[in-house]
């Protein structure tokens, strides 16, 4: 299909295309049906890019220009036919598919893959690729919504939810690095399956309620090698994907495992996933320790910069997470407890929040959203751990 060029000066915030928009053949600007943001356009101008290209058309009010060419007569004729057939009766619409549904679908996909690999049953590559494509599109639409989802307490097994959460953060990071679909697909596939080698480690170790012994830890350290073999031989997803599983515990300074690679000897995909994996691992409660606050996890990642993590990628990652990351819990000056639902890049101390407990410490049963940039009388006094919130709610 022929590509059409659009001058950057013609682009407007909120503009939507029915096909992906590219900076060049290797770098996607936005996915199909994802509104352009003002920062996208500003970034293009900053980079000196004068035009972008797409195989699609501009969508206006849910329809492309081509679709809008239908005449009023044709529309009336269609409506008349619907009424004659009885199709004009108002019916209940389809269930709205939220990002929570996308998250749960990916969770069950990872669960299914792990169980089948553990039992020696093959898995269809196409199912994995379809899920990866959908996840990329949905996260590209609203990264705040996606990050908010992974910060919630999720039902199910930690190992499966970890893969989905790491994949989501990897998409957000990859997009900020200018990745197009050709790079996002192997990155996200590797992120989803980075711990697949754990199926070869005994359950009594992976599900242990407490710190590991030295011998158990050595068994855990074999999972990157097993993961590489599984992805290459059983899932047949290729070396780019398999290398993520093999290298996600390597450290930038060469102190990681299993091969003690350092710097650019580690693939960029694995360097991204290692940061996302570390962040999620620190912010999730485990049986043997409490979770860190999100900003505490970011502080730990910063401390590991130039030693464990690629400093360039760390900078990009932290730029997406903000001072009060989406999903973090905070206390307001009036005593309310709230969850951050949208970061404020201009005024980072004043995000949008949804109230969890009112000023009297009572749980509210309706949605109360506050934009702290507009509610000047309110401000955040301190961040809170989710464990602390659980105690307030249930004890």
Protein backbone atom coordinates (compact mmCIF):
# COMPACT_ATOMS: atom_id res chain seq x y z
CA UNK A 1 0.00 0.00 0.00
CA UNK A 2 1.29 3.45 -0.96
CA UNK A 3 2.49 5.64 1.89
CA UNK A 4 1.22 9.21 2.21
CA UNK A 5 3.36 11.98 3.63
CA UNK A 6 2.12 14.60 6.10
CA UNK A 7 4.07 17.71 7.01
CA UNK A 8 4.73 18.08 10.73
CA UNK A 9 3.29 21.62 10.51
CA UNK A 10 -0.04 20.04 9.46
CA UNK A 11 -0.25 17.76 12.50
CA UNK A 12 -2.53 18.73 15.38
CA UNK A 13 -2.89 17.30 18.92
CA UNK A 14 -5.74 14.77 19.00
CA UNK A 15 -5.39 13.88 15.32
CA UNK A 16 -6.01 10.15 14.72
CA UNK A 17 -5.00 7.92 11.78
CA UNK A 18 -6.51 4.51 10.97
CA UNK A 19 -3.04 3.12 10.21
CA UNK A 20 0.26 3.50 12.06
CA UNK A 21 2.21 6.74 11.50
CA UNK A 22 5.96 6.40 10.95
CA UNK A 23 8.92 8.76 11.30
CA UNK A 24 10.77 6.45 8.91
CA UNK A 25 10.49 2.81 7.87
CA UNK A 26 11.97 1.57 11.17
CA UNK A 27 10.44 3.96 13.70
CA UNK A 28 6.74 4.24 14.51
CA UNK A 29 5.44 7.54 15.88
CA UNK A 30 1.97 6.36 16.93
CA UNK A 31 -0.01 3.14 16.53
CA UNK A 32 -3.31 2.95 14.59
CA UNK A 33 -6.23 4.84 16.23
CA UNK A 34 -3.95 6.42 18.86
CA UNK A 35 -4.41 10.22 19.14
CA UNK A 36 -1.36 12.37 18.49
CA UNK A 37 -0.18 14.24 21.57
CA UNK A 38 1.27 17.72 21.65
CA UNK A 39 4.53 16.27 23.01
CA UNK A 40 4.73 13.93 19.97
CA UNK A 41 4.58 16.91 17.63
CA UNK A 42 7.03 18.94 19.73
CA UNK A 43 9.45 16.00 19.73
CA UNK A 44 9.37 15.86 15.91
CA UNK A 45 10.10 19.58 15.68
CA UNK A 46 12.92 19.26 18.22
CA UNK A 47 14.47 16.46 16.16
CA UNK A 48 14.20 18.52 12.96
CA UNK A 49 11.79 16.08 11.31
CA UNK A 50 9.64 17.87 8.73
CA UNK A 51 7.25 15.10 7.64
CA UNK A 52 5.87 11.71 8.65
CA UNK A 53 4.23 8.98 6.60
CA UNK A 54 1.34 6.54 6.88
CA UNK A 55 -0.63 4.14 4.72
CA UNK A 56 -3.81 5.28 6.44
CA UNK A 57 -6.20 8.21 6.52
CA UNK A 58 -7.13 10.80 9.10
CA UNK A 59 -10.08 9.66 11.21
CA UNK A 60 -12.70 12.27 12.07
CA UNK A 61 -15.44 11.46 14.57
CA UNK A 62 -14.75 7.74 14.25
CA UNK A 63 -14.73 7.69 10.42
CA UNK A 64 -12.12 8.25 7.76
CA UNK A 65 -12.60 10.85 5.05
CA UNK A 66 -13.35 8.04 2.60
CA UNK A 67 -16.11 6.66 4.82
CA UNK A 68 -17.65 10.13 5.23
CA UNK A 69 -18.21 10.33 1.48
CA UNK A 70 -21.35 8.19 1.86
CA UNK A 71 -24.28 10.39 0.82
CA UNK A 72 -27.15 11.28 3.12
CA UNK A 73 -29.42 9.34 0.76
CA UNK A 74 -27.38 6.19 1.31
CA UNK A 75 -27.50 6.68 5.08
CA UNK A 76 -31.29 7.17 5.05
CA UNK A 77 -31.68 4.08 2.86
CA UNK A 78 -29.65 2.00 5.29
CA UNK A 79 -31.68 3.20 8.28
CA UNK A 80 -34.94 2.44 6.46
CA UNK A 81 -33.79 -1.11 5.69
CA UNK A 82 -32.79 -1.61 9.34
CA UNK A 83 -36.23 -0.53 10.55
CA UNK A 84 -37.98 -2.81 8.05
CA UNK A 85 -35.93 -5.75 9.33
CA UNK A 86 -36.60 -4.85 12.95
CA UNK A 87 -32.97 -3.91 13.48
CA UNK A 88 -33.95 -0.44 14.61
CA UNK A 89 -34.92 -1.68 18.06
CA UNK A 90 -32.54 -0.33 20.66
CA UNK A 91 -30.44 -3.17 22.02
CA UNK A 92 -27.87 -3.39 24.76
CA UNK A 93 -24.42 -2.68 23.32
CA UNK A 94 -21.35 -4.86 23.62
CA UNK A 95 -19.33 -4.90 26.83
CA UNK A 96 -16.71 -2.15 26.77
CA UNK A 97 -13.25 -3.71 26.67
CA UNK A 98 -11.03 -1.98 29.20
CA UNK A 99 -7.29 -2.32 29.70
CA UNK A 100 -8.03 -4.61 32.65
CA UNK A 101 -9.46 -7.12 30.14
CA UNK A 102 -6.30 -6.83 28.01
CA UNK A 103 -4.16 -7.37 31.11
CA UNK A 104 -6.11 -10.45 32.21
CA UNK A 105 -5.99 -11.93 28.69
CA UNK A 106 -2.19 -11.59 28.67
CA UNK A 107 -1.97 -13.03 32.17
CA UNK A 108 -3.91 -16.13 31.10
CA UNK A 109 -1.78 -16.42 27.96
CA UNK A 110 1.44 -16.45 30.02
CA UNK A 111 -0.13 -18.90 32.47
CA UNK A 112 -1.16 -21.21 29.62
CA UNK A 113 2.29 -21.08 27.98
CA UNK A 114 4.11 -21.81 31.25
CA UNK A 115 1.83 -24.75 32.09
CA UNK A 116 2.06 -26.31 28.64
CA UNK A 117 5.84 -25.94 28.46
CA UNK A 118 6.12 -27.45 31.94
CA UNK A 119 4.04 -30.42 30.76
CA UNK A 120 5.95 -30.83 27.50
CA UNK A 121 3.09 -29.62 25.31
CA UNK A 122 3.78 -27.31 22.35
CA UNK A 123 2.32 -23.82 22.01
CA UNK A 124 1.14 -21.97 18.91
CA UNK A 125 3.46 -19.13 17.99
CA UNK A 126 0.62 -17.20 16.29
CA UNK A 127 -1.30 -16.90 19.57
CA UNK A 128 1.70 -15.28 21.23
CA UNK A 129 2.21 -12.84 18.36
CA UNK A 130 -1.48 -11.86 18.32
CA UNK A 131 -1.42 -11.12 22.05
CA UNK A 132 1.83 -9.14 21.72
CA UNK A 133 0.40 -7.02 18.89
CA UNK A 134 -2.75 -6.22 20.89
CA UNK A 135 -0.77 -5.34 24.01
CA UNK A 136 1.45 -2.94 22.04
CA UNK A 137 -1.57 -1.19 20.51
CA UNK A 138 -3.46 -0.89 23.81
CA UNK A 139 -0.49 0.40 25.82
CA UNK A 140 0.29 2.88 23.02
CA UNK A 141 -3.25 4.28 23.34
CA UNK A 142 -2.92 5.19 27.02
CA UNK A 143 0.27 4.39 28.89
CA UNK A 144 -1.08 5.97 32.10
CA UNK A 145 -4.01 3.53 32.10
CA UNK A 146 -1.61 0.63 31.49
CA UNK A 147 0.81 1.65 34.26
CA UNK A 148 -2.13 2.20 36.61
CA UNK A 149 -3.28 -1.38 35.98
CA UNK A 150 0.04 -3.00 36.85
CA UNK A 151 0.30 -1.11 40.14
CA UNK A 152 -2.95 -2.60 41.43
CA UNK A 153 -3.05 -5.69 43.61
CA UNK A 154 -3.63 -8.49 41.09
CA UNK A 155 -5.11 -11.90 41.74
CA UNK A 156 -3.13 -14.90 40.56
CA UNK A 157 0.41 -16.16 40.51
CA UNK A 158 3.23 -13.63 40.83
CA UNK A 159 5.35 -15.28 38.11
CA UNK A 160 2.64 -14.80 35.47
CA UNK A 161 1.66 -11.25 36.45
CA UNK A 162 5.36 -10.31 36.51
CA UNK A 163 5.72 -11.17 32.82
CA UNK A 164 2.73 -9.03 31.83
CA UNK A 165 3.76 -6.08 34.00
CA UNK A 166 7.34 -6.13 32.71
CA UNK A 167 6.03 -6.30 29.12
CA UNK A 168 3.87 -3.21 29.69
CA UNK A 169 6.74 -1.16 31.12
CA UNK A 170 8.97 -2.39 28.29
CA UNK A 171 6.48 -1.05 25.73
CA UNK A 172 6.36 2.35 27.44
CA UNK A 173 10.17 2.47 27.55
CA UNK A 174 10.57 1.22 23.98
CA UNK A 175 8.16 3.85 22.65
CA UNK A 176 10.13 6.56 24.45
CA UNK A 177 13.29 5.26 22.78
CA UNK A 178 11.60 5.68 19.39
CA UNK A 179 11.00 1.98 18.75
CA UNK A 180 8.85 0.99 15.79
CA UNK A 181 6.81 -2.21 15.63
CA UNK A 182 9.77 -4.18 14.26
CA UNK A 183 11.62 -3.59 17.54
CA UNK A 184 8.66 -3.57 19.91
CA UNK A 185 7.48 -7.07 18.93
CA UNK A 186 10.67 -8.97 19.91
CA UNK A 187 11.14 -6.73 22.97
CA UNK A 188 7.62 -7.39 24.26
CA UNK A 189 7.71 -11.10 23.39
CA UNK A 190 10.93 -11.44 25.36
CA UNK A 191 9.52 -9.42 28.27
CA UNK A 192 6.40 -11.60 28.52
CA UNK A 193 8.50 -14.77 28.55
CA UNK A 194 11.67 -13.57 30.29
CA UNK A 195 11.11 -15.97 33.22
CA UNK A 196 9.86 -18.97 31.20
CA UNK A 197 12.95 -20.90 32.36
CA UNK A 198 11.43 -20.98 35.87
CA UNK A 199 9.31 -23.94 34.74
CA UNK A 200 12.50 -26.03 34.96
CA UNK A 201 13.11 -24.99 38.59
CA UNK A 202 11.33 -27.04 41.30
CA UNK A 203 8.10 -25.49 42.63
CA UNK A 204 9.24 -25.75 46.23
CA UNK A 205 11.93 -23.19 45.35
CA UNK A 206 9.94 -20.82 43.12
CA UNK A 207 7.01 -20.75 45.57
CA UNK A 208 9.02 -20.71 48.79
CA UNK A 209 7.67 -18.44 51.54
CA UNK A 210 10.97 -17.00 52.64
CA UNK A 211 14.52 -16.14 51.56
CA UNK A 212 16.38 -18.73 49.48
CA UNK A 213 19.30 -20.81 50.73
CA UNK A 214 22.58 -20.54 48.75
CA UNK A 215 21.84 -23.88 47.05
CA UNK A 216 18.30 -22.82 46.14
CA UNK A 217 19.58 -19.52 44.78
CA UNK A 218 22.05 -21.39 42.56
CA UNK A 219 19.15 -23.43 41.19
CA UNK A 220 17.24 -20.20 40.47
CA UNK A 221 20.26 -18.84 38.58
CA UNK A 222 19.86 -21.61 35.98
CA UNK A 223 16.52 -20.26 34.73
CA UNK A 224 17.95 -17.82 32.13
CA UNK A 225 19.71 -20.68 30.32
CA UNK A 226 16.62 -22.89 30.45
CA UNK A 227 14.53 -19.95 29.22
CA UNK A 228 16.80 -19.40 26.22
CA UNK A 229 16.56 -23.07 25.23
CA UNK A 230 12.77 -23.16 25.60
CA UNK A 231 12.22 -20.05 23.47
CA UNK A 232 14.60 -21.25 20.74
CA UNK A 233 13.71 -24.95 20.59
CA UNK A 234 10.13 -25.24 21.84
CA UNK A 235 8.49 -21.89 21.07
CA UNK A 236 10.69 -21.11 18.02
CA UNK A 237 10.55 -17.35 18.57
CA UNK A 238 14.12 -16.59 17.52
CA UNK A 239 17.34 -15.37 19.08
CA UNK A 240 16.23 -11.74 19.66
CA UNK A 241 13.45 -12.94 21.95
CA UNK A 242 15.45 -15.76 23.54
CA UNK A 243 18.36 -13.44 24.37
CA UNK A 244 16.05 -11.43 26.64
CA UNK A 245 15.42 -14.54 28.74
CA UNK A 246 19.12 -15.40 28.72
CA UNK A 247 20.45 -11.94 29.60
CA UNK A 248 17.86 -10.20 31.81
CA UNK A 249 19.94 -10.91 34.94
CA UNK A 250 23.20 -9.67 33.43
CA UNK A 251 24.51 -6.44 34.98
CA UNK A 252 25.87 -3.42 33.12
CA UNK A 253 29.17 -3.67 35.04
CA UNK A 254 29.61 -7.39 34.32
CA UNK A 255 28.65 -8.71 37.78
CA UNK A 256 25.42 -10.40 36.70
CA UNK A 257 24.66 -13.95 35.56
CA UNK A 258 24.83 -16.39 33.84
CA UNK A 259 27.67 -15.17 31.57
CA UNK A 260 28.89 -11.98 33.31
CA UNK A 261 28.34 -9.90 30.18
CA UNK A 262 28.76 -6.14 30.49
CA UNK A 263 27.76 -2.94 28.72
CA UNK A 264 26.71 -3.34 25.11
CA UNK A 265 27.55 -7.05 25.21
CA UNK A 266 24.03 -7.27 26.66
CA UNK A 267 21.32 -6.73 24.04
CA UNK A 268 19.35 -3.50 24.33
CA UNK A 269 16.13 -5.51 24.71
CA UNK A 270 17.57 -7.33 27.75
CA UNK A 271 18.88 -4.05 29.21
CA UNK A 272 15.35 -2.61 29.03
CA UNK A 273 13.72 -5.70 30.52
CA UNK A 274 16.22 -5.91 33.40
CA UNK A 275 15.22 -2.41 34.57
CA UNK A 276 11.49 -3.07 34.22
CA UNK A 277 11.86 -6.44 35.94
CA UNK A 278 13.74 -4.90 38.87
CA UNK A 279 11.15 -2.13 39.30
CA UNK A 280 8.18 -4.53 39.36
CA UNK A 281 9.96 -6.97 41.67
CA UNK A 282 10.65 -4.18 44.18
CA UNK A 283 7.12 -2.74 44.15
CA UNK A 284 5.26 -6.05 44.63
CA UNK A 285 4.68 -7.52 48.08
CA UNK A 286 6.26 -10.94 48.61
CA UNK A 287 5.67 -13.45 51.39
CA UNK A 288 9.06 -12.65 52.94
CA UNK A 289 9.17 -8.84 52.58
CA UNK A 290 7.03 -5.75 52.13
CA UNK A 291 6.89 -3.89 48.83
CA UNK A 292 8.87 -0.69 48.30
CA UNK A 293 7.16 2.59 47.56
CA UNK A 294 7.35 3.35 43.84
CA UNK A 295 9.66 6.31 44.42
CA UNK A 296 11.78 4.08 46.68
CA UNK A 297 12.07 1.53 43.90
CA UNK A 298 13.12 4.29 41.50
CA UNK A 299 15.71 5.47 44.04
CA UNK A 300 17.14 1.93 44.17
CA UNK A 301 17.29 1.79 40.37
CA UNK A 302 19.08 5.15 40.26
CA UNK A 303 21.56 3.80 42.82
CA UNK A 304 22.24 0.88 40.48
CA UNK A 305 22.80 3.13 37.47
CA UNK A 306 26.27 2.73 35.87
CA UNK A 307 26.72 -0.43 37.92
CA UNK A 308 23.78 -2.73 37.25
CA UNK A 309 21.71 -0.85 34.67
CA UNK A 310 22.28 1.04 31.41
CA UNK A 311 22.24 4.72 32.52
CA UNK A 312 20.76 5.94 29.23
CA UNK A 313 17.80 3.57 29.47
CA UNK A 314 17.38 4.31 33.19
CA UNK A 315 16.97 8.01 32.35
CA UNK A 316 14.26 7.20 29.79
CA UNK A 317 12.53 4.78 32.17
CA UNK A 318 12.44 7.26 35.05
CA UNK A 319 11.17 9.98 32.72
CA UNK A 320 8.03 7.90 32.21
CA UNK A 321 7.43 7.16 35.88
CA UNK A 322 7.28 10.69 37.38
CA UNK A 323 7.82 11.67 41.04
CA UNK A 324 4.50 10.11 42.01
CA UNK A 325 4.09 7.29 39.47
CA UNK A 326 0.67 6.29 38.22
CA UNK A 327 -0.78 3.80 40.70
CA UNK A 328 1.16 5.06 43.72
CA UNK A 329 -0.75 5.79 46.94
CA UNK A 330 -0.55 9.21 48.60
CA UNK A 331 -1.95 11.13 51.55
CA UNK A 332 -3.40 14.62 51.00
CA UNK A 333 -3.19 17.54 53.42
CA UNK A 334 -6.89 17.18 54.34
CA UNK A 335 -6.35 13.56 55.45
CA UNK A 336 -7.70 11.90 52.30
CA UNK A 337 -5.86 8.87 50.90
CA UNK A 338 -5.74 8.65 47.11
CA UNK A 339 -4.27 6.72 44.19
CA UNK A 340 -2.42 8.59 41.43
CA UNK A 341 -4.18 7.97 38.11
CA UNK A 342 -2.39 10.44 35.84
CA UNK A 343 1.03 12.07 36.15
CA UNK A 344 1.52 15.80 35.56
CA UNK A 345 4.66 16.34 33.47
CA UNK A 346 4.55 20.14 33.90
CA UNK A 347 3.70 20.20 37.62
CA UNK A 348 4.90 16.78 38.84
CA UNK A 349 3.83 17.45 42.46
CA UNK A 350 0.22 17.90 41.32
CA UNK A 351 -1.01 14.74 39.53
CA UNK A 352 -4.63 13.64 39.09
CA UNK A 353 -5.78 11.28 41.83
CA UNK A 354 -8.80 9.17 42.72
CA UNK A 355 -9.80 9.12 46.38
CA UNK A 356 -9.67 5.78 48.22
CA UNK A 357 -10.40 6.97 51.79
CA UNK A 358 -12.12 10.23 52.71
CA UNK A 359 -10.83 12.74 55.26
CA UNK A 360 -12.42 10.67 58.05
CA UNK A 361 -10.62 7.49 56.98
CA UNK A 362 -13.80 5.96 55.54
CA UNK A 363 -13.77 4.01 52.28
CA UNK A 364 -15.84 5.73 49.59
CA UNK A 365 -18.12 3.71 47.31
CA UNK A 366 -18.09 6.09 44.34
CA UNK A 367 -15.44 7.50 42.01
CA UNK A 368 -14.04 10.81 43.25
CA UNK A 369 -11.33 12.20 40.98
CA UNK A 370 -9.32 15.28 41.94
CA UNK A 371 -6.98 17.19 39.65
CA UNK A 372 -4.47 18.65 42.09
CA UNK A 373 -3.41 21.23 39.51
CA UNK A 374 -6.91 22.73 39.74
CA UNK A 375 -7.62 22.01 43.43
CA UNK A 376 -5.00 24.46 44.70
CA UNK A 377 -6.07 24.07 48.33
CA UNK A 378 -5.00 20.41 48.30
CA UNK A 379 -1.53 18.93 48.03
CA UNK A 380 0.31 15.66 48.69
CA UNK A 381 1.87 15.39 52.14
CA UNK A 382 3.49 11.95 51.79
CA UNK A 383 3.50 8.74 49.75
CA UNK A 384 2.04 5.56 51.30
CA UNK A 385 2.68 1.86 50.80
CA UNK A 386 -0.16 -0.36 49.63
CA UNK A 387 0.45 -2.53 52.71
CA UNK A 388 -0.36 0.49 54.89
CA UNK A 389 -3.56 1.08 52.91
CA UNK A 390 -4.58 -2.56 53.31
CA UNK A 391 -4.19 -2.23 57.09
CA UNK A 392 -6.38 0.88 57.10
CA UNK A 393 -9.05 -0.85 55.05
CA UNK A 394 -9.17 -4.29 56.60
CA UNK A 395 -7.83 -4.08 60.16
